[in-house]
Amino acid sequence: MSGSIELLRHGDTGQSSYRGQLDDPLSTLGWEQLRAATADRRWDAIVTSSLCRCADFARELATQQGVSLRVDSRLAEYHFGQWQGVSIERLAQEQGDALGKFWADPVNFPPPGAETFAAFRDRLLAALNDIAVEARRVLVVTHGGAIRLLRCESEGRDFGDMASIEVPHASLHPLPWRVSA
């Protein structure tokens, strides 16, 4: 018996900046988006980021479906350092060169004071490896940056492709995953 993993990005929070690990609640629209995205879908278990924009909905869905829920802080969004909470427009005006370098090569050009890309990758891979060893259908509720990184990893893409991967709010992403050593 083999399991499957499906990633779900949290819904809208009403914020338009790099939120990173700021713990924003979902907006009314965000709740509606997530309920619509998961209607008539079933999983055997749910694992969620600890940030409330993911965890609050995951708790509701797990209760509705009568499945186990595990909160895993390793699934939190990338920590954007000094850019966290700053609008993209302001960053583009004030630090446009640095922003462009980050989008093109997040590994070598992180935001000032940000989590290292290696640390972000390592914690996400460890979380997914733990989830993948279970032979069941698992929904993982997480964040846009996490989904982009995991898709690059799964699809053998360069991390410079992350900015080009569309991950709208409340979007589902089936993820073929092989446990890495």
Protein backbone atom coordinates (compact mmCIF):
# COMPACT_ATOMS: atom_id res chain seq x y z
CA MET A 1 0.00 0.00 0.00
CA SER A 2 1.40 3.39 -0.91
CA GLY A 3 0.46 6.78 0.37
CA SER A 4 -0.05 10.06 -1.36
CA ILE A 5 0.64 13.61 -0.32
CA GLU A 6 -1.34 16.63 -1.39
CA LEU A 7 -0.21 20.14 -0.45
CA LEU A 8 -2.74 22.88 0.25
CA ARG A 9 -1.76 26.52 0.48
CA HIS A 10 -3.57 28.52 3.14
CA GLY A 11 -6.29 30.95 2.07
CA ASP A 12 -6.20 34.73 1.83
CA THR A 13 -5.16 36.71 4.90
CA GLY A 14 -5.84 40.17 3.51
CA GLN A 15 -2.10 40.95 3.60
CA SER A 16 0.04 41.74 0.55
CA SER A 17 3.60 41.60 1.84
CA TYR A 18 6.08 38.85 2.57
CA ARG A 19 4.36 37.54 5.72
CA GLY A 20 6.80 34.73 6.39
CA GLN A 21 6.41 33.58 9.97
CA LEU A 22 4.12 36.42 11.07
CA ASP A 23 1.07 34.65 12.47
CA ASP A 24 -1.78 36.19 10.48
CA PRO A 25 -5.30 34.81 10.73
CA LEU A 26 -7.33 33.95 7.65
CA SER A 27 -9.69 36.56 6.26
CA THR A 28 -13.34 35.67 5.66
CA LEU A 29 -12.40 35.18 2.00
CA GLY A 30 -9.55 32.86 3.04
CA TRP A 31 -11.94 30.61 4.99
CA GLU A 32 -14.32 30.52 2.00
CA GLN A 33 -11.47 29.68 -0.40
CA LEU A 34 -10.26 26.76 1.74
CA ARG A 35 -13.73 25.33 2.32
CA ALA A 36 -14.42 25.44 -1.43
CA ALA A 37 -11.05 23.87 -2.31
CA THR A 38 -11.60 20.91 0.02
CA ALA A 39 -15.33 20.33 -0.46
CA ASP A 40 -16.06 16.73 -1.49
CA ARG A 41 -12.41 15.72 -0.92
CA ARG A 42 -11.20 13.17 1.65
CA TRP A 43 -7.89 12.40 3.27
CA ASP A 44 -6.81 9.85 5.87
CA ALA A 45 -4.80 12.36 7.89
CA ILE A 46 -3.94 16.05 7.95
CA VAL A 47 -0.59 17.63 8.85
CA THR A 48 -0.37 21.39 9.15
CA SER A 49 1.99 24.28 9.67
CA SER A 50 1.75 25.70 13.17
CA LEU A 51 0.88 29.18 11.88
CA CYS A 52 -2.80 29.98 12.44
CA ARG A 53 -3.54 30.75 8.78
CA CYS A 54 -2.98 27.03 8.19
CA ALA A 55 -3.65 25.38 11.55
CA ASP A 56 -7.05 26.96 12.25
CA PHE A 57 -8.54 25.61 9.02
CA ALA A 58 -6.74 22.27 9.35
CA ARG A 59 -8.34 21.77 12.79
CA GLU A 60 -11.79 22.46 11.37
CA LEU A 61 -11.28 20.10 8.42
CA ALA A 62 -9.82 17.28 10.55
CA THR A 63 -12.80 17.51 12.90
CA GLN A 64 -15.27 17.48 10.00
CA GLN A 65 -13.58 14.49 8.36
CA GLY A 66 -12.92 12.63 11.62
CA VAL A 67 -9.22 12.19 10.81
CA SER A 68 -6.03 12.71 12.77
CA LEU A 69 -4.36 16.09 12.80
CA ARG A 70 -0.70 16.74 13.48
CA VAL A 71 0.75 20.24 13.82
CA ASP A 72 4.35 20.43 12.57
CA SER A 73 6.24 23.70 13.00
CA ARG A 74 8.75 22.56 10.35
CA LEU A 75 6.05 23.31 7.75
CA ALA A 76 6.06 27.04 8.59
CA GLU A 77 6.78 29.56 5.88
CA TYR A 78 10.27 30.86 5.11
CA HIS A 79 11.45 33.52 7.55
CA PHE A 80 12.06 36.61 5.42
CA GLY A 81 14.19 38.42 8.01
CA GLN A 82 14.06 42.21 7.59
CA TRP A 83 11.66 41.86 4.64
CA GLN A 84 8.99 40.16 6.72
CA GLY A 85 5.86 42.35 6.77
CA VAL A 86 7.25 44.81 4.19
CA SER A 87 5.15 45.28 1.04
CA ILE A 88 6.55 43.95 -2.22
CA GLU A 89 5.99 47.40 -3.75
CA ARG A 90 8.13 49.07 -1.07
CA LEU A 91 10.84 46.43 -1.45
CA ALA A 92 10.82 46.91 -5.21
CA GLN A 93 11.24 50.68 -4.78
CA GLU A 94 13.82 50.62 -2.00
CA GLN A 95 15.70 47.36 -2.63
CA GLY A 96 14.77 46.41 -6.18
CA ASP A 97 18.18 44.99 -7.04
CA ALA A 98 18.25 42.77 -3.93
CA LEU A 99 14.66 41.65 -4.56
CA GLY A 100 15.46 40.69 -8.15
CA LYS A 101 18.52 38.73 -7.06
CA PHE A 102 16.46 36.90 -4.41
CA TRP A 103 13.81 35.91 -6.96
CA ALA A 104 16.45 34.71 -9.43
CA ASP A 105 18.66 32.89 -6.90
CA PRO A 106 17.12 32.53 -3.41
CA VAL A 107 19.92 30.21 -2.31
CA ASN A 108 22.71 32.77 -2.76
CA PHE A 109 20.80 36.04 -2.29
CA PRO A 110 18.51 35.74 0.76
CA PRO A 111 16.84 38.80 2.32
CA PRO A 112 18.86 40.52 5.06
CA GLY A 113 18.54 38.65 8.34
CA ALA A 114 16.53 35.84 6.73
CA GLU A 115 16.56 32.14 7.46
CA THR A 116 19.20 30.43 5.36
CA PHE A 117 17.80 28.66 2.35
CA ALA A 118 19.56 25.47 3.42
CA ALA A 119 17.81 25.57 6.81
CA PHE A 120 14.42 26.16 5.13
CA ARG A 121 15.01 23.28 2.71
CA ASP A 122 16.30 20.92 5.42
CA ARG A 123 13.33 21.43 7.75
CA LEU A 124 10.79 21.04 4.93
CA LEU A 125 12.47 17.88 3.61
CA ALA A 126 12.59 16.38 7.10
CA ALA A 127 8.89 17.10 7.61
CA LEU A 128 7.92 15.61 4.23
CA ASN A 129 10.08 12.54 4.75
CA ASP A 130 8.29 11.90 8.06
CA ILE A 131 4.90 12.29 6.36
CA ALA A 132 5.81 10.15 3.34
CA VAL A 133 6.65 7.03 5.34
CA GLU A 134 2.99 6.69 6.28
CA ALA A 135 1.00 4.66 3.74
CA ARG A 136 -2.08 6.82 3.52
CA ARG A 137 -3.54 9.87 1.83
CA VAL A 138 -2.27 12.92 3.67
CA LEU A 139 -3.23 16.56 3.25
CA VAL A 140 -0.42 18.96 4.18
CA VAL A 141 -1.63 22.51 4.87
CA THR A 142 1.28 24.90 4.39
CA HIS A 143 2.51 28.06 2.65
CA GLY A 144 3.34 29.35 -0.81
CA GLY A 145 7.12 29.39 -0.36
CA ALA A 146 7.10 25.91 1.16
CA ILE A 147 5.02 24.53 -1.71
CA ARG A 148 7.30 26.15 -4.31
CA LEU A 149 10.42 24.69 -2.69
CA LEU A 150 8.89 21.22 -2.32
CA ARG A 151 7.69 21.24 -5.92
CA CYS A 152 11.18 22.22 -7.14
CA GLU A 153 12.66 19.44 -5.04
CA SER A 154 10.12 16.85 -6.24
CA GLU A 155 10.27 17.90 -9.89
CA GLY A 156 14.07 18.24 -10.06
CA ARG A 157 13.84 21.96 -10.81
CA ASP A 158 16.37 24.64 -9.95
CA PHE A 159 15.36 26.75 -6.94
CA GLY A 160 15.60 29.81 -9.18
CA ASP A 161 12.32 28.54 -10.72
CA MET A 162 10.45 29.06 -7.44
CA ALA A 163 9.25 32.55 -8.36
CA SER A 164 7.67 31.24 -11.59
CA ILE A 165 5.57 28.52 -9.91
CA GLU A 166 1.98 29.65 -9.47
CA VAL A 167 0.63 28.82 -6.01
CA PRO A 168 -2.63 30.75 -5.52
CA HIS A 169 -4.34 30.88 -2.15
CA ALA A 170 -6.20 27.63 -1.33
CA SER A 171 -4.61 25.77 -4.27
CA LEU A 172 -4.03 22.00 -4.09
CA HIS A 173 -0.79 20.43 -5.32
CA PRO A 174 -0.39 16.63 -5.57
CA LEU A 175 3.20 15.88 -4.63
CA PRO A 176 5.02 12.73 -5.73
CA TRP A 177 7.55 12.28 -2.94
CA ARG A 178 10.34 9.80 -2.41
CA VAL A 179 11.87 9.70 1.03
CA SER A 180 15.41 11.02 0.77
CA ALA A 181 18.28 9.60 2.79
